[in-house]
């Protein structure tokens, strides 16, 4: 099972320096990014080798998936497990320089390696997203044996999923956070992984590939 992970394109909200909501749409930059990655995948992949596009239900991911689908001709299947980390509801749509957004960043630094921390006890912790990543891994292995997929998701979820695959179930919280924060994923970057069913092993071939954006 080979998986090509795609982070969604840049949103209009991000272009306006505001935090994204689940309904944030792609901006003009994000649409251009999505078109570029879609054409790149059309040239790179054979639709005979890939079964589906699996997408987060969040609007920015779904719109990115639709650009890809229009080029490669694959069906889109939404999966509730791969949405972005849920923020405290009071953070939704806030300007990056707002008081609450700045306070959030200060507390992120303060609580450091605590993967159970939630801002003002709202939204999801990193541990919550790890649990979703674990469920998604089992979902893939159960339902897509021998099949290849394009998966369109979000920066934080993908970094957590990749880190979980690398470390497995036995990890220290500090190590998990350090690995997760050691790499970034650009909008519409590609990350390629494969699960070898005979060996029961995951392989990571590339992380944050962006040749299509040059």
N, C-alpha and C. Protein backbone atom coordinates (compact mmCIF):
# COMPACT_ATOMS: atom_id res chain seq x y z
N UNK A 1 0.85 -1.19 0.00
CA UNK A 1 0.00 0.00 0.00
C UNK A 1 0.89 1.24 0.00
N UNK A 2 0.79 2.02 -1.07
CA UNK A 2 1.52 3.27 -1.16
C UNK A 2 0.56 4.44 -0.94
N UNK A 3 1.03 5.43 -0.22
CA UNK A 3 0.20 6.59 0.07
C UNK A 3 0.97 7.86 -0.28
N UNK A 4 0.34 8.72 -1.06
CA UNK A 4 0.87 10.05 -1.33
C UNK A 4 0.03 11.04 -0.53
N UNK A 5 0.63 11.62 0.51
CA UNK A 5 -0.06 12.60 1.34
C UNK A 5 0.15 13.99 0.75
N UNK A 6 -0.93 14.77 0.73
CA UNK A 6 -0.89 16.14 0.22
C UNK A 6 -1.43 17.07 1.30
N UNK A 7 -0.65 18.09 1.66
CA UNK A 7 -1.22 19.13 2.52
C UNK A 7 -2.04 20.07 1.64
N UNK A 8 -3.16 20.54 2.15
CA UNK A 8 -4.05 21.42 1.38
C UNK A 8 -3.34 22.71 0.96
N UNK A 9 -3.94 23.44 0.02
CA UNK A 9 -3.43 24.74 -0.41
C UNK A 9 -3.68 25.83 0.61
N UNK A 10 -3.05 26.95 0.41
CA UNK A 10 -3.15 28.09 1.32
C UNK A 10 -4.55 28.71 1.26
N UNK A 11 -5.08 29.06 2.41
CA UNK A 11 -6.44 29.58 2.46
C UNK A 11 -6.49 31.11 2.35
N UNK A 12 -7.68 31.59 2.02
CA UNK A 12 -7.90 33.03 1.98
C UNK A 12 -7.71 33.63 3.37
N UNK A 13 -8.16 32.91 4.40
CA UNK A 13 -8.01 33.40 5.77
C UNK A 13 -6.53 33.58 6.13
N UNK A 14 -5.71 32.61 5.74
CA UNK A 14 -4.28 32.70 6.04
C UNK A 14 -3.65 33.87 5.29
N UNK A 15 -4.10 34.10 4.06
CA UNK A 15 -3.59 35.23 3.30
C UNK A 15 -3.94 36.56 3.97
N UNK A 16 -5.04 36.56 4.73
CA UNK A 16 -5.48 37.76 5.45
C UNK A 16 -4.97 37.78 6.89
N UNK A 17 -4.01 36.85 7.20
CA UNK A 17 -3.39 36.77 8.53
C UNK A 17 -4.41 36.49 9.63
N UNK A 18 -5.33 35.56 9.31
CA UNK A 18 -6.30 35.13 10.30
C UNK A 18 -6.23 33.61 10.48
N UNK A 19 -6.57 33.14 11.66
CA UNK A 19 -6.61 31.70 11.91
C UNK A 19 -7.75 31.08 11.11
N UNK A 20 -7.53 29.86 10.65
CA UNK A 20 -8.50 29.20 9.79
C UNK A 20 -9.60 28.52 10.60
N UNK A 21 -10.78 28.46 10.02
CA UNK A 21 -11.86 27.65 10.56
C UNK A 21 -12.02 26.43 9.66
N UNK A 22 -12.91 25.54 10.03
CA UNK A 22 -13.14 24.35 9.20
C UNK A 22 -13.74 24.72 7.85
N UNK A 23 -14.35 25.90 7.75
CA UNK A 23 -14.98 26.34 6.51
C UNK A 23 -14.10 27.30 5.70
N UNK A 24 -12.85 27.45 6.08
CA UNK A 24 -11.95 28.35 5.35
C UNK A 24 -11.71 27.80 3.95
N UNK A 25 -11.88 28.67 2.94
CA UNK A 25 -11.71 28.28 1.54
C UNK A 25 -10.30 28.60 1.07
N UNK A 26 -9.90 27.95 -0.01
CA UNK A 26 -8.62 28.28 -0.63
C UNK A 26 -8.65 29.71 -1.15
N UNK A 27 -7.55 30.43 -0.96
CA UNK A 27 -7.39 31.74 -1.56
C UNK A 27 -6.84 31.58 -2.97
N UNK A 28 -6.53 32.70 -3.61
CA UNK A 28 -6.00 32.64 -4.97
C UNK A 28 -4.66 31.92 -5.02
N UNK A 29 -3.81 32.16 -4.02
CA UNK A 29 -2.53 31.45 -3.96
C UNK A 29 -2.77 29.96 -3.78
N UNK A 30 -3.69 29.61 -2.88
CA UNK A 30 -3.99 28.20 -2.62
C UNK A 30 -4.56 27.48 -3.83
N UNK A 31 -5.41 28.17 -4.58
CA UNK A 31 -5.96 27.55 -5.79
C UNK A 31 -4.87 27.29 -6.81
N UNK A 32 -3.94 28.24 -6.94
CA UNK A 32 -2.81 28.05 -7.86
C UNK A 32 -1.95 26.89 -7.40
N UNK A 33 -1.71 26.78 -6.11
CA UNK A 33 -0.94 25.66 -5.57
C UNK A 33 -1.64 24.33 -5.86
N UNK A 34 -2.95 24.30 -5.64
CA UNK A 34 -3.72 23.07 -5.85
C UNK A 34 -3.71 22.66 -7.32
N UNK A 35 -3.79 23.62 -8.23
CA UNK A 35 -3.72 23.31 -9.66
C UNK A 35 -2.35 22.73 -10.02
N UNK A 36 -1.32 23.29 -9.44
CA UNK A 36 0.04 22.83 -9.74
C UNK A 36 0.28 21.42 -9.22
N UNK A 37 -0.16 21.15 -7.99
CA UNK A 37 0.07 19.80 -7.46
C UNK A 37 -0.79 18.79 -8.20
N UNK A 38 -1.98 19.20 -8.63
CA UNK A 38 -2.86 18.30 -9.40
C UNK A 38 -2.21 17.92 -10.72
N UNK A 39 -1.65 18.88 -11.43
CA UNK A 39 -0.98 18.59 -12.72
C UNK A 39 0.24 17.73 -12.49
N UNK A 40 0.97 18.02 -11.42
CA UNK A 40 2.16 17.23 -11.09
C UNK A 40 1.79 15.76 -10.84
N UNK A 41 0.71 15.55 -10.09
CA UNK A 41 0.30 14.18 -9.78
C UNK A 41 -0.22 13.48 -11.04
N UNK A 42 -0.88 14.21 -11.90
CA UNK A 42 -1.35 13.61 -13.15
C UNK A 42 -0.17 13.09 -13.98
N UNK A 43 0.91 13.85 -14.01
CA UNK A 43 2.08 13.45 -14.78
C UNK A 43 2.89 12.35 -14.09
N UNK A 44 2.82 12.34 -12.77
CA UNK A 44 3.65 11.41 -12.00
C UNK A 44 3.00 10.05 -11.77
N UNK A 45 1.70 10.05 -11.57
CA UNK A 45 1.01 8.84 -11.15
C UNK A 45 0.17 8.25 -12.27
N UNK A 46 0.00 6.95 -12.21
CA UNK A 46 -0.94 6.28 -13.10
C UNK A 46 -2.23 6.05 -12.34
N UNK A 47 -3.36 6.49 -12.91
CA UNK A 47 -4.63 6.29 -12.21
C UNK A 47 -4.96 4.82 -12.02
N UNK A 48 -4.32 3.96 -12.81
CA UNK A 48 -4.54 2.53 -12.65
C UNK A 48 -3.90 2.01 -11.36
N UNK A 49 -2.91 2.75 -10.88
CA UNK A 49 -2.19 2.32 -9.68
C UNK A 49 -2.82 2.85 -8.39
N UNK A 50 -3.71 3.81 -8.50
CA UNK A 50 -4.29 4.44 -7.32
C UNK A 50 -5.80 4.21 -7.27
N UNK A 51 -6.29 3.91 -6.08
CA UNK A 51 -7.70 3.54 -5.92
C UNK A 51 -8.60 4.75 -5.70
N UNK A 52 -8.21 5.63 -4.78
CA UNK A 52 -9.08 6.73 -4.39
C UNK A 52 -8.25 7.92 -3.93
N UNK A 53 -8.93 9.05 -3.78
CA UNK A 53 -8.42 10.18 -3.03
C UNK A 53 -9.19 10.20 -1.72
N UNK A 54 -8.49 10.16 -0.61
CA UNK A 54 -9.12 10.25 0.71
C UNK A 54 -8.87 11.67 1.22
N UNK A 55 -9.94 12.37 1.60
CA UNK A 55 -9.80 13.77 1.98
C UNK A 55 -10.39 14.05 3.35
N UNK A 56 -9.74 14.98 4.04
CA UNK A 56 -10.36 15.59 5.22
C UNK A 56 -11.65 16.27 4.79
N UNK A 57 -12.65 16.31 5.66
CA UNK A 57 -13.90 16.99 5.31
C UNK A 57 -13.81 18.51 5.36
N UNK A 58 -12.73 19.05 5.93
CA UNK A 58 -12.59 20.50 6.00
C UNK A 58 -12.52 21.09 4.59
N UNK A 59 -13.13 22.24 4.41
CA UNK A 59 -13.33 22.81 3.08
C UNK A 59 -12.03 22.99 2.30
N UNK A 60 -10.97 23.47 2.94
CA UNK A 60 -9.72 23.72 2.24
C UNK A 60 -9.09 22.44 1.71
N UNK A 61 -9.25 21.36 2.46
CA UNK A 61 -8.73 20.07 2.00
C UNK A 61 -9.60 19.51 0.88
N UNK A 62 -10.90 19.59 1.08
CA UNK A 62 -11.82 19.08 0.06
C UNK A 62 -11.63 19.81 -1.27
N UNK A 63 -11.46 21.13 -1.22
CA UNK A 63 -11.25 21.89 -2.46
C UNK A 63 -9.95 21.48 -3.14
N UNK A 64 -8.91 21.26 -2.35
CA UNK A 64 -7.64 20.79 -2.91
C UNK A 64 -7.82 19.42 -3.54
N UNK A 65 -8.54 18.54 -2.87
CA UNK A 65 -8.81 17.20 -3.40
C UNK A 65 -9.59 17.27 -4.70
N UNK A 66 -10.49 18.22 -4.81
CA UNK A 66 -11.30 18.35 -6.03
C UNK A 66 -10.44 18.78 -7.22
N UNK A 67 -9.48 19.65 -7.00
CA UNK A 67 -8.55 20.01 -8.07
C UNK A 67 -7.78 18.78 -8.54
N UNK A 68 -7.32 17.98 -7.58
CA UNK A 68 -6.57 16.78 -7.92
C UNK A 68 -7.45 15.78 -8.65
N UNK A 69 -8.67 15.60 -8.15
CA UNK A 69 -9.61 14.66 -8.77
C UNK A 69 -9.90 15.02 -10.22
N UNK A 70 -10.01 16.31 -10.48
CA UNK A 70 -10.33 16.75 -11.85
C UNK A 70 -9.21 16.41 -12.82
N UNK A 71 -7.99 16.29 -12.31
CA UNK A 71 -6.85 15.96 -13.18
C UNK A 71 -6.61 14.46 -13.27
N UNK A 72 -6.69 13.76 -12.14
CA UNK A 72 -6.32 12.34 -12.14
C UNK A 72 -7.52 11.41 -12.27
N UNK A 73 -8.74 11.95 -12.14
CA UNK A 73 -9.94 11.14 -12.38
C UNK A 73 -10.27 10.14 -11.31
N UNK A 74 -9.89 10.42 -10.07
CA UNK A 74 -10.17 9.49 -8.98
C UNK A 74 -11.30 10.00 -8.10
N UNK A 75 -12.07 9.08 -7.55
CA UNK A 75 -13.16 9.40 -6.63
C UNK A 75 -12.61 9.94 -5.32
N UNK A 76 -13.31 10.90 -4.72
CA UNK A 76 -12.94 11.45 -3.41
C UNK A 76 -13.79 10.81 -2.33
N UNK A 77 -13.13 10.29 -1.31
CA UNK A 77 -13.82 9.73 -0.14
C UNK A 77 -13.40 10.55 1.07
N UNK A 78 -14.35 11.16 1.77
CA UNK A 78 -14.02 11.93 2.96
C UNK A 78 -13.83 11.01 4.16
N UNK A 79 -12.89 11.39 5.02
CA UNK A 79 -12.64 10.62 6.23
C UNK A 79 -12.54 11.57 7.42
N UNK A 80 -13.39 11.38 8.41
CA UNK A 80 -13.47 12.28 9.57
C UNK A 80 -12.25 12.20 10.48
N UNK A 81 -11.43 11.17 10.32
CA UNK A 81 -10.28 11.00 11.21
C UNK A 81 -9.13 11.94 10.89
N UNK A 82 -9.10 12.51 9.68
CA UNK A 82 -7.90 13.21 9.24
C UNK A 82 -8.06 14.73 9.16
N UNK A 83 -9.04 15.27 9.88
CA UNK A 83 -9.17 16.73 9.92
C UNK A 83 -8.05 17.33 10.77
N UNK A 84 -7.91 18.65 10.69
CA UNK A 84 -6.87 19.34 11.45
C UNK A 84 -7.17 19.28 12.94
N UNK A 85 -6.13 19.52 13.76
CA UNK A 85 -6.31 19.57 15.20
C UNK A 85 -7.37 20.63 15.53
N UNK A 86 -8.33 20.25 16.36
CA UNK A 86 -9.41 21.17 16.73
C UNK A 86 -8.89 22.21 17.72
N UNK A 87 -9.00 23.50 17.38
CA UNK A 87 -8.54 24.52 18.31
C UNK A 87 -9.64 24.84 19.33
N UNK A 88 -9.27 25.58 20.35
CA UNK A 88 -10.30 26.14 21.23
C UNK A 88 -11.23 26.97 20.35
N UNK A 89 -12.55 26.84 20.51
CA UNK A 89 -13.49 27.55 19.63
C UNK A 89 -13.30 29.06 19.60
N UNK A 90 -12.78 29.64 20.68
CA UNK A 90 -12.58 31.09 20.71
C UNK A 90 -11.44 31.55 19.81
N UNK A 91 -10.62 30.61 19.33
CA UNK A 91 -9.51 30.96 18.45
C UNK A 91 -9.92 31.00 16.98
N UNK A 92 -11.03 30.38 16.65
CA UNK A 92 -11.47 30.31 15.25
C UNK A 92 -11.61 31.69 14.63
N UNK A 93 -10.94 31.90 13.51
CA UNK A 93 -11.08 33.13 12.76
C UNK A 93 -10.38 34.34 13.34
N UNK A 94 -9.66 34.16 14.44
CA UNK A 94 -8.98 35.29 15.07
C UNK A 94 -7.76 35.73 14.26
N UNK A 95 -7.48 37.02 14.28
CA UNK A 95 -6.27 37.54 13.65
C UNK A 95 -5.05 36.98 14.38
N UNK A 96 -3.97 36.73 13.63
CA UNK A 96 -2.76 36.18 14.25
C UNK A 96 -2.20 37.08 15.34
N UNK A 97 -2.42 38.39 15.20
CA UNK A 97 -1.87 39.32 16.20
C UNK A 97 -2.89 39.71 17.26
N UNK A 98 -4.03 39.02 17.31
CA UNK A 98 -5.03 39.32 18.35
C UNK A 98 -4.51 38.89 19.72
N UNK A 99 -5.11 39.43 20.76
CA UNK A 99 -4.66 39.12 22.11
C UNK A 99 -4.77 37.64 22.41
N UNK A 100 -5.89 37.01 22.03
CA UNK A 100 -6.07 35.60 22.35
C UNK A 100 -5.13 34.71 21.56
N UNK A 101 -4.87 35.07 20.30
CA UNK A 101 -3.94 34.27 19.48
C UNK A 101 -2.53 34.38 20.02
N UNK A 102 -2.13 35.55 20.47
CA UNK A 102 -0.80 35.74 21.05
C UNK A 102 -0.68 35.01 22.39
N UNK A 103 -1.75 35.04 23.17
CA UNK A 103 -1.75 34.33 24.45
C UNK A 103 -1.63 32.82 24.22
N UNK A 104 -2.32 32.34 23.17
CA UNK A 104 -2.23 30.93 22.81
C UNK A 104 -0.78 30.54 22.52
N UNK A 105 -0.08 31.34 21.72
CA UNK A 105 1.31 31.05 21.37
C UNK A 105 2.21 31.05 22.60
N UNK A 106 1.98 31.97 23.52
CA UNK A 106 2.78 32.00 24.75
C UNK A 106 2.56 30.74 25.57
N UNK A 107 1.32 30.28 25.62
CA UNK A 107 1.04 29.08 26.41
C UNK A 107 1.57 27.83 25.73
N UNK A 108 1.58 27.80 24.40
CA UNK A 108 2.21 26.68 23.68
C UNK A 108 3.66 26.55 24.12
N UNK A 109 4.37 27.69 24.19
CA UNK A 109 5.77 27.68 24.63
C UNK A 109 5.87 27.26 26.10
N UNK A 110 4.98 27.74 26.91
CA UNK A 110 5.02 27.46 28.35
C UNK A 110 4.85 25.98 28.65
N UNK A 111 3.93 25.33 27.94
CA UNK A 111 3.63 23.93 28.25
C UNK A 111 4.49 22.94 27.47
N UNK A 112 5.33 23.46 26.56
CA UNK A 112 6.39 22.69 25.93
C UNK A 112 6.03 21.29 25.48
N UNK A 113 6.53 20.29 26.22
CA UNK A 113 6.41 18.90 25.78
C UNK A 113 5.17 18.18 26.31
N UNK A 114 4.24 18.91 26.92
CA UNK A 114 3.03 18.29 27.45
C UNK A 114 2.05 18.05 26.29
N UNK A 115 2.01 16.82 25.79
CA UNK A 115 1.15 16.51 24.64
C UNK A 115 -0.31 16.32 25.04
N UNK A 116 -0.60 16.44 26.35
CA UNK A 116 -1.98 16.37 26.81
C UNK A 116 -2.59 17.75 27.03
N UNK A 117 -1.80 18.80 26.83
CA UNK A 117 -2.25 20.16 27.10
C UNK A 117 -3.28 20.62 26.06
N UNK A 118 -4.29 21.34 26.55
CA UNK A 118 -5.29 21.99 25.70
C UNK A 118 -5.39 23.45 26.13
N UNK A 119 -5.46 24.34 25.17
CA UNK A 119 -5.58 25.75 25.48
C UNK A 119 -6.91 26.02 26.18
N UNK A 120 -6.83 26.47 27.42
CA UNK A 120 -8.02 26.76 28.24
C UNK A 120 -9.00 25.59 28.24
N UNK A 121 -8.44 24.38 28.20
CA UNK A 121 -9.21 23.13 28.27
C UNK A 121 -10.23 22.97 27.14
N UNK A 122 -9.97 23.60 26.00
CA UNK A 122 -10.88 23.46 24.85
C UNK A 122 -10.16 22.91 23.65
N UNK A 123 -10.91 22.39 22.70
CA UNK A 123 -10.32 21.82 21.50
C UNK A 123 -9.63 20.49 21.76
N UNK A 124 -8.65 20.16 20.94
CA UNK A 124 -7.93 18.89 21.06
C UNK A 124 -6.51 19.10 21.55
N UNK A 125 -6.00 18.10 22.24
CA UNK A 125 -4.58 18.05 22.57
C UNK A 125 -3.85 17.27 21.47
N UNK A 126 -2.54 17.32 21.50
CA UNK A 126 -1.76 16.50 20.57
C UNK A 126 -2.07 15.03 20.80
N UNK A 127 -2.24 14.64 22.05
CA UNK A 127 -2.58 13.23 22.35
C UNK A 127 -3.87 12.83 21.65
N UNK A 128 -4.86 13.72 21.63
CA UNK A 128 -6.11 13.42 20.94
C UNK A 128 -5.88 13.15 19.45
N UNK A 129 -5.01 13.95 18.85
CA UNK A 129 -4.73 13.77 17.42
C UNK A 129 -3.92 12.52 17.18
N UNK A 130 -3.00 12.18 18.09
CA UNK A 130 -2.27 10.91 17.98
C UNK A 130 -3.25 9.75 17.97
N UNK A 131 -4.26 9.81 18.82
CA UNK A 131 -5.26 8.74 18.86
C UNK A 131 -6.02 8.65 17.54
N UNK A 132 -6.31 9.80 16.91
CA UNK A 132 -6.96 9.77 15.59
C UNK A 132 -6.01 9.20 14.55
N UNK A 133 -4.74 9.58 14.63
CA UNK A 133 -3.75 9.06 13.68
C UNK A 133 -3.63 7.54 13.80
N UNK A 134 -3.66 7.05 15.01
CA UNK A 134 -3.59 5.60 15.24
C UNK A 134 -4.80 4.90 14.63
N UNK A 135 -5.99 5.47 14.82
CA UNK A 135 -7.20 4.89 14.24
C UNK A 135 -7.14 4.93 12.71
N UNK A 136 -6.60 6.02 12.16
CA UNK A 136 -6.51 6.13 10.70
C UNK A 136 -5.53 5.11 10.14
N UNK A 137 -4.44 4.88 10.84
CA UNK A 137 -3.49 3.86 10.40
C UNK A 137 -4.17 2.49 10.32
N UNK A 138 -4.91 2.14 11.36
CA UNK A 138 -5.61 0.85 11.36
C UNK A 138 -6.70 0.81 10.29
N UNK A 139 -7.36 1.95 10.06
CA UNK A 139 -8.37 2.03 8.99
C UNK A 139 -7.73 1.74 7.63
N UNK A 140 -6.57 2.33 7.38
CA UNK A 140 -5.87 2.11 6.12
C UNK A 140 -5.50 0.64 5.95
N UNK A 141 -4.94 0.07 6.99
CA UNK A 141 -4.46 -1.32 6.90
C UNK A 141 -5.61 -2.31 6.76
N UNK A 142 -6.77 -1.97 7.32
CA UNK A 142 -7.92 -2.85 7.24
C UNK A 142 -8.65 -2.75 5.91
N UNK A 143 -8.77 -1.52 5.38
CA UNK A 143 -9.64 -1.29 4.23
C UNK A 143 -8.94 -1.11 2.89
N UNK A 144 -7.63 -0.89 2.91
CA UNK A 144 -6.94 -0.60 1.65
C UNK A 144 -5.74 -1.50 1.41
N UNK A 145 -5.80 -2.71 1.89
CA UNK A 145 -4.72 -3.66 1.68
C UNK A 145 -4.48 -3.85 0.18
N UNK A 146 -3.23 -3.67 -0.23
CA UNK A 146 -2.88 -3.86 -1.64
C UNK A 146 -3.29 -2.72 -2.54
N UNK A 147 -3.83 -1.62 -1.98
CA UNK A 147 -4.27 -0.48 -2.79
C UNK A 147 -3.39 0.73 -2.48
N UNK A 148 -3.37 1.66 -3.43
CA UNK A 148 -2.61 2.89 -3.26
C UNK A 148 -3.56 4.09 -3.22
N UNK A 149 -3.19 5.11 -2.43
CA UNK A 149 -4.10 6.22 -2.18
C UNK A 149 -3.39 7.56 -2.27
N UNK A 150 -4.17 8.58 -2.59
CA UNK A 150 -3.78 9.97 -2.37
C UNK A 150 -4.60 10.44 -1.18
N UNK A 151 -3.94 10.99 -0.17
CA UNK A 151 -4.62 11.45 1.04
C UNK A 151 -4.38 12.95 1.20
N UNK A 152 -5.46 13.73 1.24
CA UNK A 152 -5.35 15.19 1.37
C UNK A 152 -5.76 15.59 2.78
N UNK A 153 -4.82 16.18 3.50
CA UNK A 153 -5.08 16.51 4.91
C UNK A 153 -4.41 17.84 5.27
N UNK A 154 -3.97 17.95 6.53
CA UNK A 154 -3.54 19.22 7.10
C UNK A 154 -2.15 19.10 7.73
N UNK A 155 -1.51 20.25 7.90
CA UNK A 155 -0.14 20.26 8.38
C UNK A 155 0.07 19.57 9.71
N UNK A 156 -0.69 19.95 10.72
CA UNK A 156 -0.49 19.37 12.05
C UNK A 156 -0.86 17.90 12.08
N UNK A 157 -2.00 17.55 11.49
CA UNK A 157 -2.38 16.13 11.48
C UNK A 157 -1.31 15.29 10.78
N UNK A 158 -0.83 15.76 9.63
CA UNK A 158 0.15 14.97 8.89
C UNK A 158 1.47 14.84 9.64
N UNK A 159 1.90 15.90 10.28
CA UNK A 159 3.15 15.81 11.05
C UNK A 159 2.99 14.82 12.21
N UNK A 160 1.82 14.83 12.83
CA UNK A 160 1.58 13.88 13.92
C UNK A 160 1.49 12.46 13.39
N UNK A 161 0.81 12.26 12.25
CA UNK A 161 0.70 10.92 11.67
C UNK A 161 2.08 10.38 11.30
N UNK A 162 2.89 11.19 10.64
CA UNK A 162 4.24 10.75 10.24
C UNK A 162 5.07 10.41 11.46
N UNK A 163 5.00 11.27 12.48
CA UNK A 163 5.77 11.01 13.71
C UNK A 163 5.32 9.73 14.38
N UNK A 164 4.02 9.50 14.40
CA UNK A 164 3.50 8.26 15.00
C UNK A 164 3.98 7.04 14.23
N UNK A 165 3.98 7.12 12.90
CA UNK A 165 4.47 6.00 12.10
C UNK A 165 5.94 5.74 12.40
N UNK A 166 6.74 6.80 12.54
CA UNK A 166 8.17 6.65 12.80
C UNK A 166 8.46 6.07 14.18
N UNK A 167 7.70 6.49 15.19
CA UNK A 167 7.98 6.09 16.57
C UNK A 167 7.18 4.89 17.04
N UNK A 168 6.03 4.64 16.42
CA UNK A 168 5.18 3.54 16.85
C UNK A 168 4.46 3.85 18.15
N UNK A 169 3.98 2.81 18.82
CA UNK A 169 3.16 2.99 20.02
C UNK A 169 3.97 3.30 21.27
N UNK A 170 5.26 2.96 21.26
CA UNK A 170 6.09 3.17 22.44
C UNK A 170 6.97 4.40 22.23
N UNK A 171 6.58 5.49 22.86
CA UNK A 171 7.34 6.73 22.71
C UNK A 171 7.22 7.55 23.98
N UNK A 172 8.19 8.41 24.21
CA UNK A 172 8.10 9.38 25.30
C UNK A 172 7.53 10.66 24.73
N UNK A 173 6.74 11.35 25.54
CA UNK A 173 6.09 12.57 25.07
C UNK A 173 7.10 13.59 24.56
N UNK A 174 8.21 13.73 25.25
CA UNK A 174 9.21 14.71 24.85
C UNK A 174 9.80 14.35 23.49
N UNK A 175 10.07 13.06 23.29
CA UNK A 175 10.62 12.61 22.01
C UNK A 175 9.61 12.84 20.89
N UNK A 176 8.35 12.53 21.14
CA UNK A 176 7.32 12.72 20.12
C UNK A 176 7.26 14.18 19.70
N UNK A 177 7.21 15.09 20.66
CA UNK A 177 7.11 16.51 20.35
C UNK A 177 8.35 17.00 19.60
N UNK A 178 9.52 16.52 19.98
CA UNK A 178 10.75 16.94 19.31
C UNK A 178 10.77 16.50 17.85
N UNK A 179 10.38 15.25 17.61
CA UNK A 179 10.36 14.74 16.24
C UNK A 179 9.31 15.50 15.42
N UNK A 180 8.13 15.66 15.98
CA UNK A 180 7.04 16.35 15.29
C UNK A 180 7.44 17.77 14.88
N UNK A 181 8.18 18.45 15.74
CA UNK A 181 8.54 19.83 15.48
C UNK A 181 9.83 19.97 14.67
N UNK A 182 10.43 18.85 14.28
CA UNK A 182 11.70 18.90 13.56
C UNK A 182 11.52 19.07 12.05
N UNK A 183 10.27 19.00 11.56
CA UNK A 183 10.06 19.19 10.13
C UNK A 183 8.77 19.98 9.90
N UNK A 184 8.73 20.66 8.77
CA UNK A 184 7.57 21.45 8.37
C UNK A 184 6.98 20.87 7.09
N UNK A 185 5.74 21.19 6.83
CA UNK A 185 5.07 20.78 5.60
C UNK A 185 4.48 22.01 4.93
N UNK A 186 4.99 22.33 3.74
CA UNK A 186 4.48 23.48 3.00
C UNK A 186 3.10 23.16 2.41
N UNK A 187 2.35 24.19 2.10
CA UNK A 187 1.05 23.97 1.46
C UNK A 187 1.22 23.25 0.13
N UNK A 188 0.45 22.21 -0.07
CA UNK A 188 0.44 21.28 -1.22
C UNK A 188 1.74 20.50 -1.38
N UNK A 189 2.54 20.43 -0.31
CA UNK A 189 3.72 19.55 -0.36
C UNK A 189 3.28 18.09 -0.38
N UNK A 190 4.16 17.23 -0.89
CA UNK A 190 3.90 15.80 -0.98
C UNK A 190 4.78 15.04 0.00
N UNK A 191 4.18 14.08 0.66
CA UNK A 191 4.91 13.14 1.52
C UNK A 191 4.52 11.73 1.07
N UNK A 192 5.52 10.90 0.80
CA UNK A 192 5.24 9.57 0.25
C UNK A 192 5.67 8.48 1.24
N UNK A 193 4.73 7.56 1.49
CA UNK A 193 4.97 6.46 2.42
C UNK A 193 4.45 5.16 1.81
N UNK A 194 4.96 4.06 2.33
CA UNK A 194 4.50 2.75 1.88
C UNK A 194 4.44 1.79 3.06
N UNK A 195 3.38 0.99 3.09
CA UNK A 195 3.28 -0.07 4.08
C UNK A 195 3.54 -1.40 3.40
N UNK A 196 4.60 -2.08 3.83
CA UNK A 196 4.95 -3.39 3.29
C UNK A 196 4.20 -4.45 4.09
N UNK A 197 3.20 -5.03 3.46
CA UNK A 197 2.32 -5.95 4.17
C UNK A 197 3.02 -7.25 4.56
N UNK A 198 3.97 -7.69 3.75
CA UNK A 198 4.68 -8.93 4.06
C UNK A 198 5.58 -8.77 5.28
N UNK A 199 6.25 -7.63 5.38
CA UNK A 199 7.17 -7.39 6.49
C UNK A 199 6.50 -6.69 7.67
N UNK A 200 5.32 -6.13 7.43
CA UNK A 200 4.64 -5.40 8.49
C UNK A 200 5.38 -4.12 8.87
N UNK A 201 6.00 -3.48 7.87
CA UNK A 201 6.80 -2.29 8.13
C UNK A 201 6.34 -1.12 7.27
N UNK A 202 6.48 0.09 7.83
CA UNK A 202 6.21 1.32 7.10
C UNK A 202 7.53 1.93 6.63
N UNK A 203 7.52 2.47 5.43
CA UNK A 203 8.68 3.16 4.88
C UNK A 203 8.27 4.58 4.52
N UNK A 204 9.13 5.53 4.83
CA UNK A 204 8.91 6.92 4.45
C UNK A 204 9.92 7.27 3.36
N UNK A 205 9.43 7.60 2.16
CA UNK A 205 10.32 7.86 1.02
C UNK A 205 10.68 9.33 0.89
N UNK A 206 9.74 10.22 1.18
CA UNK A 206 10.06 11.65 1.14
C UNK A 206 9.06 12.40 1.99
N UNK A 207 9.49 13.56 2.49
CA UNK A 207 8.66 14.43 3.32
C UNK A 207 8.78 15.85 2.77
N UNK A 208 7.65 16.51 2.57
CA UNK A 208 7.62 17.91 2.17
C UNK A 208 8.26 18.16 0.80
N UNK A 209 7.93 17.33 -0.17
CA UNK A 209 8.44 17.53 -1.53
C UNK A 209 7.60 18.60 -2.23
N UNK A 210 8.29 19.60 -2.82
CA UNK A 210 7.56 20.71 -3.45
C UNK A 210 8.11 21.11 -4.83
N UNK A 211 8.59 20.18 -5.66
CA UNK A 211 9.15 20.59 -6.96
C UNK A 211 8.10 21.23 -7.87
N UNK A 212 6.84 20.88 -7.67
CA UNK A 212 5.76 21.42 -8.50
C UNK A 212 5.49 22.88 -8.26
N UNK A 213 5.98 23.43 -7.15
CA UNK A 213 5.73 24.83 -6.81
C UNK A 213 6.83 25.77 -7.30
N UNK A 214 7.90 25.19 -7.82
CA UNK A 214 9.03 26.02 -8.28
C UNK A 214 8.68 26.69 -9.60
